[in-house]
N, C-alpha and C. Protein backbone atom coordinates (compact mmCIF):
# COMPACT_ATOMS: atom_id res chain seq x y z
N MET A 1 -23.47 37.53 49.37
CA MET A 1 -23.13 37.91 48.01
C MET A 1 -22.72 36.68 47.20
N ILE A 2 -23.15 36.65 45.98
CA ILE A 2 -22.80 35.55 45.08
C ILE A 2 -21.51 35.92 44.36
N LYS A 3 -20.45 35.17 44.67
CA LYS A 3 -19.16 35.39 44.03
C LYS A 3 -19.27 34.93 42.57
N THR A 4 -19.07 35.86 41.66
CA THR A 4 -19.31 35.61 40.24
C THR A 4 -18.05 35.83 39.42
N ALA A 5 -17.90 34.97 38.40
CA ALA A 5 -16.84 35.13 37.41
C ALA A 5 -17.49 35.23 36.05
N ILE A 6 -16.96 36.12 35.22
CA ILE A 6 -17.40 36.24 33.84
C ILE A 6 -16.22 35.86 32.96
N LEU A 7 -16.44 34.84 32.16
CA LEU A 7 -15.37 34.29 31.31
C LEU A 7 -15.79 34.43 29.85
N THR A 8 -15.17 35.36 29.16
CA THR A 8 -15.44 35.56 27.74
C THR A 8 -14.53 34.64 26.95
N ILE A 9 -15.14 33.85 26.08
CA ILE A 9 -14.39 32.89 25.29
C ILE A 9 -14.48 33.32 23.83
N SER A 10 -13.39 33.90 23.35
CA SER A 10 -13.38 34.49 22.02
C SER A 10 -11.96 34.64 21.52
N ASP A 11 -11.67 34.03 20.39
CA ASP A 11 -10.35 34.19 19.78
C ASP A 11 -10.08 35.66 19.46
N LYS A 12 -11.07 36.33 18.86
CA LYS A 12 -10.88 37.73 18.47
C LYS A 12 -10.80 38.65 19.67
N GLY A 13 -11.56 38.37 20.71
CA GLY A 13 -11.48 39.17 21.93
C GLY A 13 -10.13 38.99 22.61
N TYR A 14 -9.66 37.75 22.64
CA TYR A 14 -8.39 37.44 23.29
C TYR A 14 -7.23 38.12 22.56
N SER A 15 -7.28 38.11 21.22
CA SER A 15 -6.19 38.72 20.44
C SER A 15 -6.38 40.22 20.25
N LYS A 16 -7.42 40.78 20.88
CA LYS A 16 -7.73 42.21 20.84
C LYS A 16 -8.11 42.70 19.44
N GLU A 17 -8.58 41.76 18.59
CA GLU A 17 -9.10 42.15 17.29
C GLU A 17 -10.51 42.72 17.42
N ARG A 18 -11.18 42.37 18.53
CA ARG A 18 -12.54 42.82 18.79
C ARG A 18 -12.68 43.17 20.26
N GLU A 19 -13.35 44.27 20.54
CA GLU A 19 -13.59 44.66 21.92
C GLU A 19 -14.66 43.76 22.51
N ASP A 20 -14.45 43.31 23.73
CA ASP A 20 -15.44 42.48 24.40
C ASP A 20 -16.54 43.37 24.96
N LEU A 21 -17.71 43.32 24.36
CA LEU A 21 -18.86 44.07 24.85
C LEU A 21 -19.79 43.19 25.67
N THR A 22 -19.67 41.88 25.49
CA THR A 22 -20.59 40.96 26.14
C THR A 22 -20.31 40.82 27.63
N GLY A 23 -19.07 40.61 28.01
CA GLY A 23 -18.73 40.48 29.43
C GLY A 23 -19.21 41.67 30.25
N PRO A 24 -18.89 42.91 29.84
CA PRO A 24 -19.39 44.07 30.57
C PRO A 24 -20.92 44.18 30.58
N SER A 25 -21.57 43.75 29.51
CA SER A 25 -23.04 43.79 29.46
C SER A 25 -23.64 42.83 30.48
N ILE A 26 -23.01 41.67 30.65
CA ILE A 26 -23.45 40.70 31.65
C ILE A 26 -23.28 41.30 33.05
N ALA A 27 -22.12 41.85 33.31
CA ALA A 27 -21.84 42.42 34.63
C ALA A 27 -22.83 43.52 34.99
N LYS A 28 -23.22 44.30 34.01
CA LYS A 28 -24.09 45.45 34.23
C LYS A 28 -25.49 45.04 34.73
N ILE A 29 -25.99 43.86 34.31
CA ILE A 29 -27.35 43.49 34.72
C ILE A 29 -27.41 42.68 36.01
N LEU A 30 -26.26 42.31 36.55
CA LEU A 30 -26.26 41.58 37.82
C LEU A 30 -26.57 42.54 38.96
N PRO A 31 -27.61 42.26 39.75
CA PRO A 31 -27.94 43.16 40.86
C PRO A 31 -26.77 43.29 41.84
N GLU A 32 -26.35 44.53 42.09
CA GLU A 32 -25.18 44.79 42.93
C GLU A 32 -25.39 44.39 44.39
N ASP A 33 -26.63 44.27 44.82
CA ASP A 33 -26.89 43.89 46.21
C ASP A 33 -26.79 42.39 46.43
N SER A 34 -26.68 41.61 45.33
CA SER A 34 -26.63 40.15 45.45
C SER A 34 -25.39 39.52 44.83
N TYR A 35 -24.80 40.18 43.85
CA TYR A 35 -23.69 39.60 43.09
C TYR A 35 -22.46 40.49 43.19
N THR A 36 -21.30 39.85 43.26
CA THR A 36 -20.04 40.57 43.17
C THR A 36 -19.18 39.88 42.12
N VAL A 37 -18.84 40.62 41.06
CA VAL A 37 -17.99 40.05 40.01
C VAL A 37 -16.55 40.13 40.51
N GLU A 38 -16.02 38.97 40.86
CA GLU A 38 -14.68 38.90 41.45
C GLU A 38 -13.62 38.48 40.44
N TYR A 39 -14.05 38.09 39.25
CA TYR A 39 -13.10 37.56 38.28
C TYR A 39 -13.65 37.84 36.89
N PHE A 40 -12.81 38.38 36.05
CA PHE A 40 -13.19 38.64 34.68
C PHE A 40 -11.98 38.33 33.80
N LYS A 41 -12.20 37.52 32.77
CA LYS A 41 -11.08 37.16 31.92
C LYS A 41 -11.57 36.85 30.51
N ILE A 42 -10.72 37.12 29.53
CA ILE A 42 -10.98 36.76 28.14
C ILE A 42 -9.97 35.71 27.75
N ILE A 43 -10.45 34.58 27.24
CA ILE A 43 -9.56 33.50 26.82
C ILE A 43 -9.93 33.06 25.40
N PRO A 44 -9.01 32.39 24.70
CA PRO A 44 -9.31 31.95 23.34
C PRO A 44 -10.19 30.69 23.34
N ASP A 45 -10.73 30.40 22.16
CA ASP A 45 -11.54 29.20 21.95
C ASP A 45 -10.63 27.97 21.86
N GLU A 46 -10.01 27.62 22.95
CA GLU A 46 -9.13 26.45 23.02
C GLU A 46 -9.62 25.57 24.16
N LYS A 47 -10.02 24.36 23.82
CA LYS A 47 -10.66 23.47 24.79
C LYS A 47 -9.84 23.28 26.06
N ASP A 48 -8.56 23.02 25.93
CA ASP A 48 -7.71 22.80 27.11
C ASP A 48 -7.64 24.03 28.01
N ILE A 49 -7.61 25.21 27.40
CA ILE A 49 -7.55 26.45 28.18
C ILE A 49 -8.87 26.68 28.90
N ILE A 50 -9.97 26.43 28.22
CA ILE A 50 -11.29 26.60 28.84
C ILE A 50 -11.44 25.65 30.02
N ILE A 51 -11.09 24.40 29.83
CA ILE A 51 -11.19 23.40 30.90
C ILE A 51 -10.33 23.82 32.10
N LYS A 52 -9.10 24.20 31.84
CA LYS A 52 -8.20 24.60 32.91
C LYS A 52 -8.76 25.80 33.68
N GLU A 53 -9.28 26.77 32.95
CA GLU A 53 -9.82 27.99 33.58
C GLU A 53 -11.06 27.67 34.42
N LEU A 54 -11.96 26.86 33.89
CA LEU A 54 -13.17 26.49 34.64
C LEU A 54 -12.82 25.72 35.91
N LYS A 55 -11.90 24.77 35.81
CA LYS A 55 -11.49 24.02 37.00
C LYS A 55 -10.86 24.93 38.04
N HIS A 56 -10.02 25.85 37.59
CA HIS A 56 -9.38 26.80 38.50
C HIS A 56 -10.42 27.63 39.25
N LEU A 57 -11.42 28.12 38.52
CA LEU A 57 -12.45 28.96 39.14
C LEU A 57 -13.28 28.17 40.14
N CYS A 58 -13.57 26.91 39.84
CA CYS A 58 -14.37 26.07 40.75
C CYS A 58 -13.55 25.57 41.93
N ASP A 59 -12.39 25.03 41.65
CA ASP A 59 -11.60 24.31 42.65
C ASP A 59 -10.72 25.20 43.51
N ASP A 60 -10.12 26.22 42.90
CA ASP A 60 -9.15 27.05 43.62
C ASP A 60 -9.75 28.37 44.09
N VAL A 61 -10.42 29.08 43.19
CA VAL A 61 -10.98 30.39 43.53
C VAL A 61 -12.32 30.24 44.26
N LYS A 62 -12.97 29.10 44.05
CA LYS A 62 -14.26 28.79 44.71
C LYS A 62 -15.33 29.83 44.40
N ILE A 63 -15.47 30.09 43.12
CA ILE A 63 -16.50 31.01 42.62
C ILE A 63 -17.85 30.30 42.68
N ASN A 64 -18.90 31.01 43.10
CA ASN A 64 -20.24 30.42 43.16
C ASN A 64 -20.90 30.31 41.79
N LEU A 65 -20.69 31.31 40.94
CA LEU A 65 -21.36 31.38 39.64
C LEU A 65 -20.36 31.77 38.57
N ILE A 66 -20.24 30.92 37.56
CA ILE A 66 -19.35 31.20 36.44
C ILE A 66 -20.23 31.37 35.21
N LEU A 67 -20.20 32.55 34.63
CA LEU A 67 -20.97 32.85 33.43
C LEU A 67 -20.00 32.94 32.26
N THR A 68 -20.05 31.93 31.40
CA THR A 68 -19.23 32.00 30.20
C THR A 68 -20.05 32.68 29.12
N ASN A 69 -19.37 33.28 28.18
CA ASN A 69 -20.05 33.80 27.00
C ASN A 69 -19.19 33.55 25.79
N GLY A 70 -19.85 33.09 24.72
CA GLY A 70 -19.16 32.78 23.47
C GLY A 70 -18.91 31.30 23.30
N GLY A 71 -18.76 30.91 22.05
CA GLY A 71 -18.38 29.54 21.73
C GLY A 71 -19.51 28.51 21.82
N THR A 72 -20.77 28.95 21.73
CA THR A 72 -21.89 28.01 21.87
C THR A 72 -22.62 27.74 20.56
N GLY A 73 -22.09 28.25 19.46
CA GLY A 73 -22.76 28.10 18.17
C GLY A 73 -22.26 26.92 17.35
N PHE A 74 -22.35 27.06 16.05
CA PHE A 74 -22.05 25.96 15.12
C PHE A 74 -20.67 26.07 14.47
N SER A 75 -19.94 27.14 14.75
CA SER A 75 -18.63 27.32 14.15
C SER A 75 -17.68 26.20 14.58
N LYS A 76 -16.71 25.90 13.74
CA LYS A 76 -15.73 24.86 14.08
C LYS A 76 -14.98 25.18 15.37
N ARG A 77 -14.79 26.47 15.67
CA ARG A 77 -14.06 26.88 16.88
C ARG A 77 -14.96 26.95 18.12
N ASP A 78 -16.26 26.79 17.96
CA ASP A 78 -17.20 26.86 19.09
C ASP A 78 -17.18 25.55 19.88
N ILE A 79 -16.45 25.54 20.99
CA ILE A 79 -16.30 24.31 21.78
C ILE A 79 -16.54 24.54 23.27
N THR A 80 -17.16 25.66 23.62
CA THR A 80 -17.43 25.93 25.03
C THR A 80 -18.30 24.86 25.67
N PRO A 81 -19.40 24.40 25.03
CA PRO A 81 -20.21 23.34 25.67
C PRO A 81 -19.42 22.06 25.91
N GLU A 82 -18.60 21.66 24.96
CA GLU A 82 -17.82 20.43 25.13
C GLU A 82 -16.83 20.56 26.28
N ALA A 83 -16.18 21.71 26.38
CA ALA A 83 -15.25 21.94 27.49
C ALA A 83 -16.00 21.94 28.82
N THR A 84 -17.15 22.59 28.85
CA THR A 84 -17.94 22.65 30.08
C THR A 84 -18.37 21.25 30.51
N LEU A 85 -18.79 20.42 29.57
CA LEU A 85 -19.22 19.06 29.89
C LEU A 85 -18.10 18.22 30.49
N GLU A 86 -16.87 18.52 30.13
CA GLU A 86 -15.73 17.79 30.70
C GLU A 86 -15.43 18.22 32.14
N VAL A 87 -15.96 19.37 32.54
CA VAL A 87 -15.66 19.93 33.86
C VAL A 87 -16.76 19.65 34.88
N VAL A 88 -18.02 19.74 34.45
CA VAL A 88 -19.12 19.63 35.41
C VAL A 88 -19.31 18.20 35.92
N GLU A 89 -19.84 18.11 37.14
CA GLU A 89 -20.14 16.82 37.78
C GLU A 89 -21.62 16.47 37.65
N LYS A 90 -22.45 17.51 37.54
CA LYS A 90 -23.90 17.34 37.37
C LYS A 90 -24.38 18.36 36.35
N LEU A 91 -25.32 17.96 35.52
CA LEU A 91 -25.92 18.89 34.58
C LEU A 91 -27.09 19.62 35.24
N THR A 92 -27.35 20.84 34.77
CA THR A 92 -28.50 21.62 35.23
C THR A 92 -29.27 22.07 33.98
N PRO A 93 -29.96 21.14 33.33
CA PRO A 93 -30.60 21.45 32.04
C PRO A 93 -31.72 22.48 32.11
N GLY A 94 -32.30 22.68 33.27
CA GLY A 94 -33.39 23.65 33.39
C GLY A 94 -32.98 25.04 32.95
N PHE A 95 -31.78 25.47 33.30
CA PHE A 95 -31.32 26.80 32.89
C PHE A 95 -31.36 26.92 31.36
N ASN A 96 -30.80 25.93 30.67
CA ASN A 96 -30.72 25.99 29.21
C ASN A 96 -32.08 25.85 28.55
N GLU A 97 -32.94 25.03 29.15
CA GLU A 97 -34.29 24.88 28.60
C GLU A 97 -35.04 26.21 28.66
N VAL A 98 -34.95 26.90 29.79
CA VAL A 98 -35.63 28.19 29.93
C VAL A 98 -35.02 29.22 29.00
N MET A 99 -33.69 29.27 28.93
CA MET A 99 -33.05 30.26 28.06
C MET A 99 -33.46 30.06 26.60
N ARG A 100 -33.44 28.81 26.13
CA ARG A 100 -33.81 28.56 24.74
C ARG A 100 -35.30 28.86 24.50
N ALA A 101 -36.15 28.47 25.44
CA ALA A 101 -37.59 28.72 25.29
C ALA A 101 -37.87 30.22 25.21
N GLU A 102 -37.26 30.99 26.09
CA GLU A 102 -37.48 32.45 26.07
C GLU A 102 -36.87 33.07 24.82
N SER A 103 -35.72 32.60 24.41
CA SER A 103 -35.07 33.14 23.22
C SER A 103 -35.86 32.82 21.95
N LEU A 104 -36.53 31.67 21.93
CA LEU A 104 -37.34 31.31 20.77
C LEU A 104 -38.50 32.27 20.55
N LYS A 105 -38.91 32.95 21.60
CA LYS A 105 -39.97 33.96 21.48
C LYS A 105 -39.46 35.19 20.72
N ILE A 106 -38.13 35.32 20.65
CA ILE A 106 -37.50 36.49 20.02
C ILE A 106 -36.97 36.14 18.63
N THR A 107 -36.34 34.96 18.51
CA THR A 107 -35.73 34.56 17.23
C THR A 107 -35.77 33.04 17.07
N PRO A 108 -36.07 32.56 15.86
CA PRO A 108 -36.03 31.11 15.63
C PRO A 108 -34.60 30.56 15.68
N HIS A 109 -33.62 31.43 15.59
CA HIS A 109 -32.23 30.99 15.64
C HIS A 109 -31.82 30.50 17.03
N ALA A 110 -32.65 30.75 18.03
CA ALA A 110 -32.34 30.31 19.39
C ALA A 110 -32.16 28.80 19.46
N MET A 111 -32.84 28.09 18.58
CA MET A 111 -32.72 26.62 18.61
C MET A 111 -31.33 26.15 18.17
N LEU A 112 -30.53 27.05 17.66
CA LEU A 112 -29.17 26.69 17.26
C LEU A 112 -28.18 26.75 18.43
N SER A 113 -28.62 27.23 19.58
CA SER A 113 -27.73 27.31 20.73
C SER A 113 -27.39 25.91 21.24
N ARG A 114 -26.11 25.70 21.50
CA ARG A 114 -25.66 24.42 22.07
C ARG A 114 -25.23 24.59 23.52
N ALA A 115 -25.59 25.71 24.12
CA ALA A 115 -25.18 26.03 25.49
C ALA A 115 -25.60 24.94 26.47
N VAL A 116 -24.74 24.71 27.47
CA VAL A 116 -25.03 23.78 28.55
C VAL A 116 -24.75 24.49 29.88
N SER A 117 -25.17 23.86 30.95
CA SER A 117 -24.86 24.38 32.28
C SER A 117 -24.76 23.21 33.23
N GLY A 118 -24.06 23.44 34.33
CA GLY A 118 -23.89 22.36 35.29
C GLY A 118 -23.21 22.82 36.57
N ILE A 119 -22.98 21.83 37.42
CA ILE A 119 -22.40 22.07 38.74
C ILE A 119 -21.07 21.33 38.85
N ARG A 120 -20.11 22.02 39.43
CA ARG A 120 -18.85 21.39 39.84
C ARG A 120 -18.59 21.87 41.26
N LYS A 121 -18.55 20.92 42.19
CA LYS A 121 -18.37 21.26 43.60
C LYS A 121 -19.45 22.24 44.03
N SER A 122 -19.08 23.45 44.45
CA SER A 122 -20.06 24.45 44.87
C SER A 122 -20.19 25.58 43.87
N SER A 123 -19.95 25.27 42.61
CA SER A 123 -20.01 26.28 41.54
C SER A 123 -21.05 25.89 40.51
N ILE A 124 -21.78 26.89 40.02
CA ILE A 124 -22.68 26.71 38.88
C ILE A 124 -22.00 27.35 37.68
N ILE A 125 -21.93 26.61 36.59
CA ILE A 125 -21.36 27.11 35.34
C ILE A 125 -22.51 27.20 34.33
N ILE A 126 -22.67 28.37 33.73
CA ILE A 126 -23.73 28.59 32.76
C ILE A 126 -23.12 29.19 31.50
N ASN A 127 -23.34 28.53 30.35
CA ASN A 127 -22.90 29.05 29.06
C ASN A 127 -23.93 30.02 28.52
N LEU A 128 -23.50 31.21 28.15
CA LEU A 128 -24.34 32.21 27.53
C LEU A 128 -23.85 32.48 26.11
N PRO A 129 -24.71 33.04 25.26
CA PRO A 129 -24.26 33.38 23.90
C PRO A 129 -23.17 34.44 23.92
N GLY A 130 -22.50 34.58 22.78
CA GLY A 130 -21.41 35.55 22.68
C GLY A 130 -21.85 36.97 22.38
N SER A 131 -23.08 37.16 21.91
CA SER A 131 -23.53 38.53 21.62
C SER A 131 -24.05 39.19 22.89
N PRO A 132 -23.82 40.49 23.04
CA PRO A 132 -24.32 41.17 24.24
C PRO A 132 -25.84 41.02 24.41
N LYS A 133 -26.58 41.22 23.33
CA LYS A 133 -28.04 41.14 23.39
C LYS A 133 -28.49 39.73 23.81
N GLY A 134 -27.95 38.72 23.15
CA GLY A 134 -28.32 37.34 23.46
C GLY A 134 -27.93 36.94 24.87
N ALA A 135 -26.75 37.33 25.30
CA ALA A 135 -26.28 36.97 26.65
C ALA A 135 -27.17 37.61 27.71
N VAL A 136 -27.50 38.88 27.53
CA VAL A 136 -28.33 39.59 28.50
C VAL A 136 -29.74 38.99 28.54
N GLU A 137 -30.33 38.77 27.38
CA GLU A 137 -31.68 38.18 27.33
C GLU A 137 -31.71 36.81 28.00
N ASN A 138 -30.72 35.99 27.72
CA ASN A 138 -30.67 34.65 28.30
C ASN A 138 -30.49 34.71 29.81
N LEU A 139 -29.58 35.54 30.27
CA LEU A 139 -29.34 35.64 31.71
C LEU A 139 -30.56 36.19 32.44
N GLN A 140 -31.22 37.16 31.85
CA GLN A 140 -32.43 37.72 32.49
C GLN A 140 -33.51 36.65 32.66
N ALA A 141 -33.56 35.68 31.75
CA ALA A 141 -34.58 34.64 31.81
C ALA A 141 -34.39 33.71 33.01
N ILE A 142 -33.16 33.58 33.51
CA ILE A 142 -32.88 32.61 34.59
C ILE A 142 -32.38 33.26 35.88
N LEU A 143 -32.17 34.54 35.86
CA LEU A 143 -31.53 35.23 36.97
C LEU A 143 -32.24 35.02 38.30
N SER A 144 -33.55 34.93 38.29
CA SER A 144 -34.29 34.81 39.55
C SER A 144 -34.07 33.47 40.25
N ALA A 145 -33.68 32.43 39.52
CA ALA A 145 -33.48 31.10 40.12
C ALA A 145 -32.07 30.88 40.64
N ILE A 146 -31.13 31.66 40.18
CA ILE A 146 -29.72 31.42 40.52
C ILE A 146 -29.45 31.55 42.03
N PRO A 147 -29.92 32.58 42.72
CA PRO A 147 -29.59 32.69 44.14
C PRO A 147 -29.99 31.47 44.97
N HIS A 148 -31.17 30.90 44.70
CA HIS A 148 -31.59 29.73 45.46
C HIS A 148 -30.69 28.54 45.15
N GLY A 149 -30.32 28.38 43.90
CA GLY A 149 -29.40 27.30 43.52
C GLY A 149 -28.07 27.42 44.23
N VAL A 150 -27.54 28.64 44.31
CA VAL A 150 -26.27 28.87 45.00
C VAL A 150 -26.43 28.57 46.49
N LYS A 151 -27.54 28.99 47.08
CA LYS A 151 -27.76 28.73 48.51
C LYS A 151 -27.82 27.23 48.80
N ILE A 152 -28.43 26.46 47.92
CA ILE A 152 -28.47 25.01 48.12
C ILE A 152 -27.06 24.43 48.03
N LEU A 153 -26.30 24.84 47.01
CA LEU A 153 -24.93 24.33 46.83
C LEU A 153 -24.02 24.67 48.00
N THR A 154 -24.20 25.83 48.58
CA THR A 154 -23.32 26.27 49.66
C THR A 154 -23.85 25.88 51.04
N GLY A 155 -24.99 25.19 51.08
CA GLY A 155 -25.55 24.73 52.34
C GLY A 155 -26.33 25.77 53.11
N GLU A 156 -26.61 26.91 52.48
CA GLU A 156 -27.35 27.97 53.16
C GLU A 156 -28.86 27.76 53.10
N ALA A 157 -29.31 26.84 52.24
CA ALA A 157 -30.75 26.60 52.09
C ALA A 157 -31.00 25.11 51.91
N SER A 158 -32.19 24.71 52.25
CA SER A 158 -32.63 23.34 52.05
C SER A 158 -33.09 23.19 50.61
N GLU A 159 -33.09 21.94 50.14
CA GLU A 159 -33.58 21.70 48.78
C GLU A 159 -35.10 21.63 48.76
N CYS A 160 -35.73 21.57 49.91
CA CYS A 160 -37.18 21.47 49.98
C CYS A 160 -37.82 22.79 49.56
N ALA A 161 -38.76 22.69 48.67
CA ALA A 161 -39.49 23.89 48.24
C ALA A 161 -40.67 24.13 49.14
N LYS A 162 -40.90 25.38 49.46
CA LYS A 162 -42.06 25.74 50.25
C LYS A 162 -43.16 26.23 49.32
N LEU A 163 -44.37 25.88 49.64
CA LEU A 163 -45.50 26.33 48.84
C LEU A 163 -45.70 27.82 49.04
N ARG A 164 -45.98 28.50 47.95
CA ARG A 164 -46.26 29.94 48.03
C ARG A 164 -47.74 30.11 48.25
N GLU A 165 -48.08 31.10 49.03
CA GLU A 165 -49.49 31.36 49.28
C GLU A 165 -49.97 32.51 48.45
């Protein structure tokens, strides 16, 4: 099972001015036979808090997959990518390239996403949009590759790709 955390980053969600619909929407599409959501939290758009939370999930809780949502746009308070970049040790740009490419088929606004993803220790961190629709569409675009990435990070699989017949 892939130990998963969903981290909603939203000032309004944190202050309970808005119900978080995105986090539950993400959890709903994760296949129950492969993923277990072990951690769910809503935090404000504060860089230090985001960094602290991401480090805690990677270093202490040892979560395999951290899915953030929110804070990836152009607003002055949108700082999730910057916080993520301060935490990760390696970037995984393929996730973001695929998400943006697939999203561009739906809306030209997809090019405005500043989402990033990367690895810290044995954890993959992926930034998703804050809207339920956008987060689900983006995650669906990359979901099939995540299990193999986690297996490589945890030593359960080799990095060598086998040819498909």
